[in-house]
N, C-alpha and C. Protein backbone atom coordinates (compact mmCIF):
# COMPACT_ATOMS: atom_id res chain seq x y z
N MET A 1 12.93 10.21 -3.99
CA MET A 1 13.70 8.84 -3.94
C MET A 1 13.40 8.26 -4.90
N ASN A 2 13.95 7.02 -5.64
CA ASN A 2 13.37 6.75 -6.33
C ASN A 2 13.06 5.19 -5.81
N PHE A 3 11.97 4.26 -6.23
CA PHE A 3 11.71 3.26 -6.00
C PHE A 3 12.91 2.14 -5.88
N ILE A 4 13.09 1.18 -5.28
CA ILE A 4 13.77 -0.10 -5.57
C ILE A 4 13.02 -1.01 -5.92
N PRO A 5 13.13 -1.92 -7.23
CA PRO A 5 11.95 -3.12 -7.37
C PRO A 5 12.44 -3.98 -6.64
N PHE A 6 10.91 -5.09 -6.15
CA PHE A 6 11.21 -6.33 -5.76
C PHE A 6 12.20 -6.81 -6.11
N GLY A 7 13.25 -7.80 -5.31
CA GLY A 7 13.78 -8.85 -5.70
C GLY A 7 15.32 -8.19 -6.10
N CYS A 8 15.73 -6.97 -5.77
CA CYS A 8 17.08 -6.60 -5.82
C CYS A 8 17.78 -6.97 -5.23
N LEU A 9 19.19 -7.51 -5.11
CA LEU A 9 20.25 -7.56 -4.17
C LEU A 9 20.66 -5.93 -3.53
N VAL A 10 20.22 -5.29 -2.79
CA VAL A 10 21.54 -4.36 -2.06
C VAL A 10 21.68 -4.17 -0.96
N ARG A 11 22.52 -3.11 -0.70
CA ARG A 11 23.37 -3.11 0.13
C ARG A 11 22.88 -2.05 0.71
N ASP A 12 22.85 -1.72 2.34
CA ASP A 12 22.96 -0.58 3.36
C ASP A 12 24.04 -0.09 2.98
N LYS A 13 23.87 1.24 2.96
CA LYS A 13 25.08 2.07 2.47
C LYS A 13 25.79 2.21 4.01
N VAL A 14 25.04 2.45 5.32
CA VAL A 14 25.87 2.84 6.80
C VAL A 14 25.73 1.36 7.21
N THR A 15 25.29 0.39 7.11
CA THR A 15 25.35 -0.70 8.01
C THR A 15 26.57 -1.85 7.00
N GLY A 16 26.10 -2.06 5.67
CA GLY A 16 26.63 -2.93 4.74
C GLY A 16 25.75 -4.07 4.75
N PHE A 17 24.48 -3.97 5.66
CA PHE A 17 23.76 -5.10 5.52
C PHE A 17 23.37 -5.24 4.01
N GLU A 18 23.31 -6.85 3.89
CA GLU A 18 22.52 -6.80 2.17
C GLU A 18 21.51 -8.23 2.22
N GLY A 19 20.77 -7.86 1.27
CA GLY A 19 20.04 -9.01 1.14
C GLY A 19 19.05 -8.52 0.03
N VAL A 20 17.92 -9.10 -0.17
CA VAL A 20 17.34 -8.92 -1.50
C VAL A 20 15.97 -8.05 -0.64
N THR A 21 15.12 -6.94 -1.73
CA THR A 21 14.04 -6.13 -1.49
C THR A 21 12.79 -6.85 -1.36
N VAL A 22 12.27 -7.47 0.04
CA VAL A 22 10.96 -7.95 -0.30
C VAL A 22 9.76 -7.27 0.14
N TYR A 23 9.51 -6.45 0.55
CA TYR A 23 8.14 -5.48 0.52
C TYR A 23 8.61 -3.98 1.38
N ARG A 24 7.88 -2.65 0.67
CA ARG A 24 8.31 -1.68 0.85
C ARG A 24 7.17 -1.23 1.91
N VAL A 25 7.65 -0.44 2.58
CA VAL A 25 6.48 0.49 3.74
C VAL A 25 7.02 2.05 3.38
N GLU A 26 5.48 2.67 2.79
CA GLU A 26 5.35 3.89 2.86
C GLU A 26 4.73 4.65 4.23
N HIS A 27 5.42 5.45 4.81
CA HIS A 27 4.76 6.22 6.08
C HIS A 27 3.90 7.36 5.25
N MET A 28 3.53 7.82 6.30
CA MET A 28 2.51 9.05 5.95
C MET A 28 3.68 10.67 6.12
N ASN A 29 4.58 10.52 6.26
CA ASN A 29 5.64 11.24 6.71
C ASN A 29 6.69 11.44 5.31
N ASN A 30 6.06 10.65 4.38
CA ASN A 30 6.60 10.07 3.39
C ASN A 30 8.17 9.12 3.21
N CYS A 31 8.36 8.98 4.79
CA CYS A 31 9.37 7.94 4.85
C CYS A 31 9.20 7.09 4.64
N ILE A 32 10.36 6.53 3.23
CA ILE A 32 10.03 4.73 2.54
C ILE A 32 11.03 3.99 3.14
N ARG A 33 10.81 2.80 3.76
CA ARG A 33 11.34 1.72 4.19
C ARG A 33 11.08 0.43 3.00
N TYR A 34 12.16 -0.57 3.45
CA TYR A 34 12.38 -1.81 2.54
C TYR A 34 12.69 -2.93 3.35
N ALA A 35 12.12 -3.77 3.27
CA ALA A 35 12.18 -5.09 4.42
C ALA A 35 13.51 -5.64 2.92
N VAL A 36 14.31 -6.22 3.60
CA VAL A 36 15.44 -6.62 3.17
C VAL A 36 15.96 -8.05 3.63
N GLN A 37 15.67 -9.08 3.15
CA GLN A 37 16.36 -10.36 3.05
C GLN A 37 17.22 -10.99 2.83
N PRO A 38 18.39 -11.39 3.85
CA PRO A 38 19.66 -11.85 3.41
C PRO A 38 18.82 -13.01 2.66
N VAL A 39 20.31 -13.14 1.86
CA VAL A 39 19.87 -14.75 1.14
C VAL A 39 20.49 -15.99 2.00
N ALA A 40 20.60 -17.50 1.92
CA ALA A 40 20.42 -18.46 3.04
C ALA A 40 22.24 -18.33 2.85
N ASP A 41 22.68 -18.72 4.07
CA ASP A 41 23.96 -19.14 4.45
C ASP A 41 24.76 -19.87 3.92
N LYS A 42 25.99 -20.27 3.92
CA LYS A 42 26.62 -21.87 3.41
C LYS A 42 25.74 -23.22 3.69
N GLU A 43 25.29 -23.01 5.37
CA GLU A 43 24.30 -24.27 6.17
C GLU A 43 23.06 -24.44 5.59
N GLY A 44 22.58 -23.40 4.61
CA GLY A 44 21.53 -23.33 4.23
C GLY A 44 20.33 -22.76 4.96
N GLN A 45 21.02 -22.32 6.48
CA GLN A 45 19.81 -21.26 6.92
C GLN A 45 19.55 -19.54 6.55
N LEU A 46 18.42 -19.80 7.22
CA LEU A 46 18.18 -18.29 6.25
C LEU A 46 18.12 -16.72 7.81
N PRO A 47 18.92 -16.18 7.49
CA PRO A 47 19.47 -14.82 8.45
C PRO A 47 17.80 -14.37 8.61
N ASN A 48 17.99 -13.52 9.71
CA ASN A 48 16.96 -12.94 9.80
C ASN A 48 17.24 -11.68 9.22
N GLY A 49 15.77 -10.84 8.01
CA GLY A 49 15.75 -9.58 7.39
C GLY A 49 15.74 -8.43 8.64
N LYS A 50 15.99 -7.57 7.82
CA LYS A 50 15.79 -5.94 8.42
C LYS A 50 15.18 -5.19 7.67
N VAL A 51 14.49 -4.19 8.06
CA VAL A 51 13.61 -2.95 7.55
C VAL A 51 14.08 -2.14 7.55
N LEU A 52 14.36 -1.39 6.38
CA LEU A 52 16.13 -0.54 6.44
C LEU A 52 15.76 0.64 5.60
N ALA A 53 15.74 2.11 6.22
CA ALA A 53 15.64 3.38 5.37
C ALA A 53 15.73 3.22 3.81
N GLY A 54 15.17 3.92 3.46
CA GLY A 54 15.28 3.58 1.71
C GLY A 54 16.69 4.46 0.86
N PRO A 55 16.98 5.62 1.11
CA PRO A 55 17.62 6.08 0.87
C PRO A 55 18.71 5.51 1.15
N ASN A 56 19.07 4.79 2.21
CA ASN A 56 20.28 4.70 2.27
C ASN A 56 20.68 3.28 1.56
N LEU A 57 19.58 2.58 0.54
CA LEU A 57 19.80 1.47 0.24
C LEU A 57 20.59 1.45 -1.45
N GLU A 58 21.57 0.50 -2.03
CA GLU A 58 22.15 0.93 -3.43
C GLU A 58 22.03 -0.44 -3.83
N ILE A 59 21.26 -0.25 -4.81
CA ILE A 59 21.41 -2.05 -5.55
C ILE A 59 22.53 -2.62 -6.03
N ILE A 60 22.87 -3.74 -5.92
CA ILE A 60 23.79 -4.36 -6.09
C ILE A 60 23.82 -4.98 -7.17
N SER A 61 22.70 -5.19 -7.54
CA SER A 61 22.19 -6.13 -8.70
C SER A 61 20.62 -6.42 -8.62
N PRO A 62 20.47 -6.28 -10.32
CA PRO A 62 19.08 -6.69 -10.46
C PRO A 62 18.36 -7.66 -9.80
N SER A 63 17.10 -7.83 -10.02
CA SER A 63 16.11 -8.88 -9.37
C SER A 63 16.29 -9.98 -11.00
N LYS A 64 16.61 -11.11 -10.29
CA LYS A 64 16.55 -12.17 -11.04
C LYS A 64 15.47 -12.35 -11.89
N GLU A 65 14.56 -12.11 -11.62
CA GLU A 65 13.02 -12.48 -12.10
C GLU A 65 12.61 -10.82 -12.72
N ASP A 66 11.60 -10.92 -13.41
CA ASP A 66 11.25 -9.41 -13.85
C ASP A 66 10.18 -9.45 -12.85
N PRO A 67 10.18 -8.51 -11.33
CA PRO A 67 9.03 -8.36 -10.79
C PRO A 67 8.42 -7.17 -10.34
N PRO A 68 7.25 -7.05 -9.78
CA PRO A 68 6.19 -5.95 -10.03
C PRO A 68 7.00 -4.19 -9.15
N LEU A 69 7.42 -3.64 -10.02
CA LEU A 69 8.12 -2.57 -9.06
C LEU A 69 7.20 -1.62 -7.75
N THR A 70 5.83 -2.40 -8.13
CA THR A 70 4.92 -1.87 -6.41
C THR A 70 3.99 -2.75 -6.00
N GLY A 71 4.47 -3.41 -6.87
CA GLY A 71 3.13 -4.81 -6.52
C GLY A 71 2.05 -4.84 -6.96
N LYS A 72 1.18 -5.70 -7.09
CA LYS A 72 -0.14 -5.34 -8.02
C LYS A 72 -1.36 -4.71 -7.07
N THR A 73 -0.94 -3.58 -6.78
CA THR A 73 -1.99 -3.03 -5.96
C THR A 73 -2.72 -1.82 -6.13
N SER A 74 -3.44 -1.31 -5.10
CA SER A 74 -4.49 0.05 -6.17
C SER A 74 -4.22 1.15 -5.05
N ASN A 75 -3.11 1.35 -3.81
CA ASN A 75 -3.73 2.55 -3.40
C ASN A 75 -4.54 2.73 -3.16
N ALA A 76 -5.85 2.26 -2.63
CA ALA A 76 -6.93 2.71 -2.54
C ALA A 76 -7.27 3.72 -1.23
N PHE A 77 -6.28 3.76 -0.91
CA PHE A 77 -6.63 4.91 0.42
C PHE A 77 -5.23 5.98 0.34
N LYS A 78 -5.12 7.24 0.45
CA LYS A 78 -4.47 8.25 0.88
C LYS A 78 -4.14 8.05 2.25
N LEU A 79 -2.62 8.03 2.35
CA LEU A 79 -2.55 8.04 4.22
C LEU A 79 -2.88 9.35 4.95
N GLY A 80 -3.53 9.69 6.16
CA GLY A 80 -3.81 10.57 6.70
C GLY A 80 -5.04 10.50 6.55
N VAL A 81 -6.25 9.32 6.16
CA VAL A 81 -7.50 9.52 5.98
C VAL A 81 -7.69 8.66 7.08
N LYS A 82 -9.10 8.49 7.64
CA LYS A 82 -9.36 7.98 8.14
C LYS A 82 -10.79 6.96 7.97
N VAL A 83 -10.07 5.50 8.55
CA VAL A 83 -11.12 3.94 8.31
C VAL A 83 -11.20 3.30 9.42
N ARG A 84 -11.77 2.37 8.87
CA ARG A 84 -12.16 1.63 9.60
C ARG A 84 -12.19 0.15 9.14
N ASP A 85 -12.20 -0.73 10.05
CA ASP A 85 -11.82 -2.33 9.11
C ASP A 85 -13.15 -2.60 9.73
N ARG A 86 -13.51 -2.92 8.90
CA ARG A 86 -15.26 -3.90 8.49
C ARG A 86 -15.31 -5.05 9.50
N LEU A 87 -14.23 -5.67 9.68
CA LEU A 87 -14.44 -7.23 10.42
C LEU A 87 -13.99 -6.86 11.82
N THR A 88 -13.59 -6.14 12.52
CA THR A 88 -13.44 -5.40 13.91
C THR A 88 -14.13 -4.36 14.39
N GLY A 89 -14.27 -3.43 13.40
CA GLY A 89 -15.12 -2.15 13.93
C GLY A 89 -13.81 -1.24 14.50
N LEU A 90 -12.78 -1.47 14.30
CA LEU A 90 -11.67 -0.64 14.89
C LEU A 90 -11.58 0.42 13.55
N THR A 91 -11.62 2.00 14.47
CA THR A 91 -11.07 2.83 13.64
C THR A 91 -10.03 3.62 13.48
N GLY A 92 -9.53 4.63 12.92
CA GLY A 92 -8.56 5.47 12.98
C GLY A 92 -8.02 6.28 11.78
N ILE A 93 -6.45 6.40 12.08
CA ILE A 93 -6.04 6.81 10.73
C ILE A 93 -4.88 6.17 10.40
N ALA A 94 -4.88 5.99 8.95
CA ALA A 94 -4.33 5.40 7.89
C ALA A 94 -2.95 6.09 7.77
N VAL A 95 -1.53 5.43 8.78
CA VAL A 95 -0.57 5.81 8.78
C VAL A 95 0.79 5.43 8.46
N LEU A 96 0.46 4.02 7.38
CA LEU A 96 1.52 3.39 6.72
C LEU A 96 0.84 2.60 5.78
N ARG A 97 1.37 2.18 4.54
CA ARG A 97 1.15 1.40 3.06
C ARG A 97 2.31 0.21 3.44
N VAL A 98 1.91 -0.91 3.42
CA VAL A 98 3.29 -1.64 3.25
C VAL A 98 2.58 -2.86 2.09
N LYS A 99 3.30 -2.48 0.63
CA LYS A 99 3.50 -3.20 -0.44
C LYS A 99 4.73 -4.03 -0.08
N GLN A 100 3.61 -5.43 -0.78
CA GLN A 100 4.29 -6.58 -0.77
C GLN A 100 4.70 -7.15 -2.62
N MET A 101 5.50 -8.08 -2.74
CA MET A 101 6.00 -8.52 -4.09
C MET A 101 4.45 -9.48 -4.91
N HIS A 102 3.96 -10.19 -3.94
CA HIS A 102 2.80 -11.32 -4.69
C HIS A 102 1.90 -11.13 -3.73
N THR A 103 1.25 -9.86 -2.75
CA THR A 103 0.17 -10.10 -2.45
C THR A 103 -0.28 -8.46 -2.08
N GLY A 104 -1.98 -8.35 -1.75
CA GLY A 104 -2.09 -6.97 -1.88
C GLY A 104 -1.84 -6.14 -0.61
N ASP A 105 -2.22 -4.70 -1.00
CA ASP A 105 -1.38 -3.61 0.30
C ASP A 105 -2.07 -4.16 1.55
N ARG A 106 -1.39 -3.96 2.44
CA ARG A 106 -1.73 -3.49 3.87
C ARG A 106 -1.89 -2.57 4.38
N TYR A 107 -2.16 -1.41 5.28
CA TYR A 107 -2.23 -0.47 5.83
C TYR A 107 -2.16 -0.62 7.21
N GLY A 108 -1.35 0.23 7.80
CA GLY A 108 -1.40 0.69 9.32
C GLY A 108 -2.01 1.28 9.92
N VAL A 109 -3.14 1.04 10.81
CA VAL A 109 -4.06 2.11 11.46
C VAL A 109 -3.93 2.03 12.85
N GLN A 110 -3.89 3.48 13.25
CA GLN A 110 -3.81 4.19 14.24
C GLN A 110 -4.61 4.50 14.93
N PRO A 111 -5.44 3.91 16.09
CA PRO A 111 -6.43 3.87 16.68
C PRO A 111 -6.27 5.30 17.73
N TRP A 112 -7.36 5.88 18.11
CA TRP A 112 -7.30 6.98 18.99
C TRP A 112 -7.02 6.24 20.11
N MET A 113 -6.57 7.60 20.86
CA MET A 113 -5.87 7.41 22.61
C MET A 113 -7.06 6.64 23.52
N ASN A 114 -6.53 5.67 24.24
CA ASN A 114 -7.92 5.10 25.02
C ASN A 114 -8.41 6.03 26.33
N GLY A 115 -9.04 5.87 27.06
CA GLY A 115 -9.23 6.34 27.99
C GLY A 115 -8.62 6.78 29.15
N LYS A 116 -7.53 5.78 29.45
CA LYS A 116 -6.46 6.08 30.38
C LYS A 116 -5.31 6.87 29.92
N GLY A 117 -5.52 7.62 28.16
CA GLY A 117 -4.55 8.38 27.87
C GLY A 117 -3.46 7.62 27.46
N GLU A 118 -3.52 6.23 27.06
CA GLU A 118 -2.69 5.29 26.56
C GLU A 118 -2.40 5.73 24.77
N ILE A 119 -1.43 5.60 24.40
CA ILE A 119 -1.47 5.27 22.97
C ILE A 119 -1.86 4.00 22.01
N PRO A 120 -3.08 3.30 21.79
CA PRO A 120 -2.66 1.73 21.47
C PRO A 120 -1.49 1.93 19.64
N ASP A 121 -0.68 0.50 19.91
CA ASP A 121 -0.31 0.44 19.01
C ASP A 121 -0.84 0.28 17.59
N VAL A 122 -0.09 0.84 16.48
CA VAL A 122 -0.66 0.51 15.00
C VAL A 122 -0.99 -0.60 14.69
N GLN A 123 -2.13 -0.54 14.14
CA GLN A 123 -2.54 -2.16 13.96
C GLN A 123 -2.59 -1.89 12.32
N GLU A 124 -2.40 -3.27 11.84
CA GLU A 124 -2.42 -3.52 10.50
C GLU A 124 -3.48 -4.55 9.60
N PHE A 125 -4.41 -4.09 8.45
CA PHE A 125 -5.28 -4.95 7.99
C PHE A 125 -5.11 -4.62 6.90
N ASP A 126 -5.59 -5.89 5.77
CA ASP A 126 -5.27 -5.74 4.64
C ASP A 126 -6.38 -4.66 3.77
N GLU A 127 -6.10 -3.95 2.56
CA GLU A 127 -6.74 -3.25 1.96
C GLU A 127 -8.33 -3.56 1.94
N GLU A 128 -8.91 -4.86 1.71
CA GLU A 128 -9.65 -5.37 1.43
C GLU A 128 -10.54 -5.31 3.09
N ASP A 129 -10.43 -5.25 3.40
CA ASP A 129 -10.54 -5.03 5.22
C ASP A 129 -11.69 -3.48 5.32
N LEU A 130 -10.68 -3.09 4.42
CA LEU A 130 -11.00 -1.03 5.25
C LEU A 130 -12.22 -0.34 4.43
N GLU A 131 -12.60 0.36 5.02
CA GLU A 131 -13.22 1.30 4.32
C GLU A 131 -12.84 2.78 4.92
N GLN A 132 -12.57 3.66 3.82
CA GLN A 132 -12.66 5.22 4.48
C GLN A 132 -13.65 5.46 4.79
N ILE A 133 -13.70 6.63 6.17
CA ILE A 133 -14.93 7.16 6.30
C ILE A 133 -14.71 8.51 6.87
N ASP A 134 -13.45 8.71 6.69
CA ASP A 134 -13.50 10.29 6.69
C ASP A 134 -12.25 10.96 6.38
N PRO A 135 -12.07 11.66 4.90
CA PRO A 135 -12.93 12.44 4.24
C PRO A 135 -13.83 11.10 4.08
N PRO A 136 -15.30 11.69 3.37
CA PRO A 136 -16.07 10.16 2.63
C PRO A 136 -15.21 10.40 1.77
N PRO A 137 -15.31 8.74 1.18
CA PRO A 137 -14.68 8.74 -0.27
C PRO A 137 -15.32 9.64 -1.78
N PRO A 138 -15.00 10.29 -2.79
CA PRO A 138 -15.73 10.22 -3.36
C PRO A 138 -16.63 10.21 -4.23
N ALA A 139 -18.09 10.45 -4.25
CA ALA A 139 -18.83 9.64 -5.10
C ALA A 139 -18.58 9.03 -6.11
N GLU A 140 -18.90 8.03 -6.70
CA GLU A 140 -18.38 7.24 -7.97
C GLU A 140 -19.48 8.02 -9.30
N LYS A 141 -18.97 8.23 -10.07
CA LYS A 141 -20.07 9.18 -10.86
C LYS A 141 -20.79 8.33 -11.88
N LYS A 142 -22.00 8.53 -11.83
CA LYS A 142 -23.10 7.32 -13.09
C LYS A 142 -22.28 7.45 -14.51
N LYS A 143 -22.48 6.87 -15.01
CA LYS A 143 -22.51 6.23 -16.46
C LYS A 143 -23.20 7.25 -17.10
N LYS A 144 -23.01 7.67 -18.14
CA LYS A 144 -24.32 8.94 -18.85
C LYS A 144 -24.80 7.07 -19.86
N GLU A 145 -26.05 7.18 -19.52
CA GLU A 145 -26.75 5.92 -20.28
C GLU A 145 -26.70 6.47 -21.92
N GLU A 146 -25.95 5.93 -22.80
CA GLU A 146 -25.74 6.27 -24.16
C GLU A 146 -27.06 5.67 -24.73
N LYS A 147 -27.92 6.44 -25.64
CA LYS A 147 -28.99 6.37 -26.48
C LYS A 147 -29.03 6.25 -27.79
N PRO A 148 -29.55 5.74 -28.59
CA PRO A 148 -29.56 6.01 -29.85
C PRO A 148 -29.79 7.04 -30.70
N ASN A 149 -29.54 7.60 -31.33
CA ASN A 149 -30.19 8.82 -31.88
C ASN A 149 -31.37 8.57 -32.42
N GLY A 150 -32.23 9.90 -32.75
CA GLY A 150 -33.48 9.79 -32.37
C GLY A 150 -34.44 10.48 -31.43
N PRO A 151 -35.93 10.65 -31.63
CA PRO A 151 -36.65 11.27 -30.34
C PRO A 151 -36.57 9.85 -29.41
N HIS A 152 -36.37 10.19 -28.22
CA HIS A 152 -36.30 9.22 -27.29
C HIS A 152 -37.75 8.90 -26.46
N ASP A 153 -38.41 10.16 -25.93
CA ASP A 153 -39.51 10.14 -25.81
C ASP A 153 -40.75 10.63 -26.63
N PRO A 154 -41.95 9.23 -27.14
CA PRO A 154 -42.49 9.65 -28.20
C PRO A 154 -43.26 10.58 -28.06
N GLY A 155 -43.95 11.57 -26.45
CA GLY A 155 -44.33 12.56 -26.76
C GLY A 155 -43.79 13.93 -27.30
N ASN A 156 -42.09 13.87 -27.03
CA ASN A 156 -41.23 14.44 -27.47
C ASN A 156 -41.07 14.61 -29.45
N ALA A 157 -42.00 13.31 -29.94
CA ALA A 157 -41.61 13.71 -31.49
C ALA A 157 -42.63 14.46 -31.67
N ILE A 158 -42.19 15.05 -33.05
CA ILE A 158 -42.95 16.34 -33.65
C ILE A 158 -42.90 15.81 -35.35
N ALA A 159 -44.50 16.13 -35.44
CA ALA A 159 -44.63 15.30 -36.57
C ALA A 159 -44.68 16.33 -37.64
N ARG A 160 -44.03 15.98 -38.73
CA ARG A 160 -43.26 17.14 -39.57
C ARG A 160 -44.41 16.86 -41.15
């Protein structure tokens, strides 16, 4: 599926619902959904928005501005990895990523089943508050220190 840029006026092919794309949700199963916010009505009231399936949306008109295609985010975590929220200590699996037009990514974290056999709701956290714990993130490679030409160890210098 092609990504729909933020700020486009779109229509849901199934329901006819129209509005502007304001954020995108990427699920672990590759389902892409968009939050669509209708424009203000004649009385100046803002109707409620809806989250709709991406493949059902058609672009009616492009964005009036030049918004980013996917937001200014880094995709720090692959969906399906185990993460921990640094602030609360909650751990779980990153099951969705929310990309917004002007802010960083948020991730939906599915905690483990509790002792009563209940499955807790997915909790959302800012990307900056999460750390990947399983599998461990790849170690950053140390940049090899550049040294000028010539002998670097006086003991290795060969008298000529």
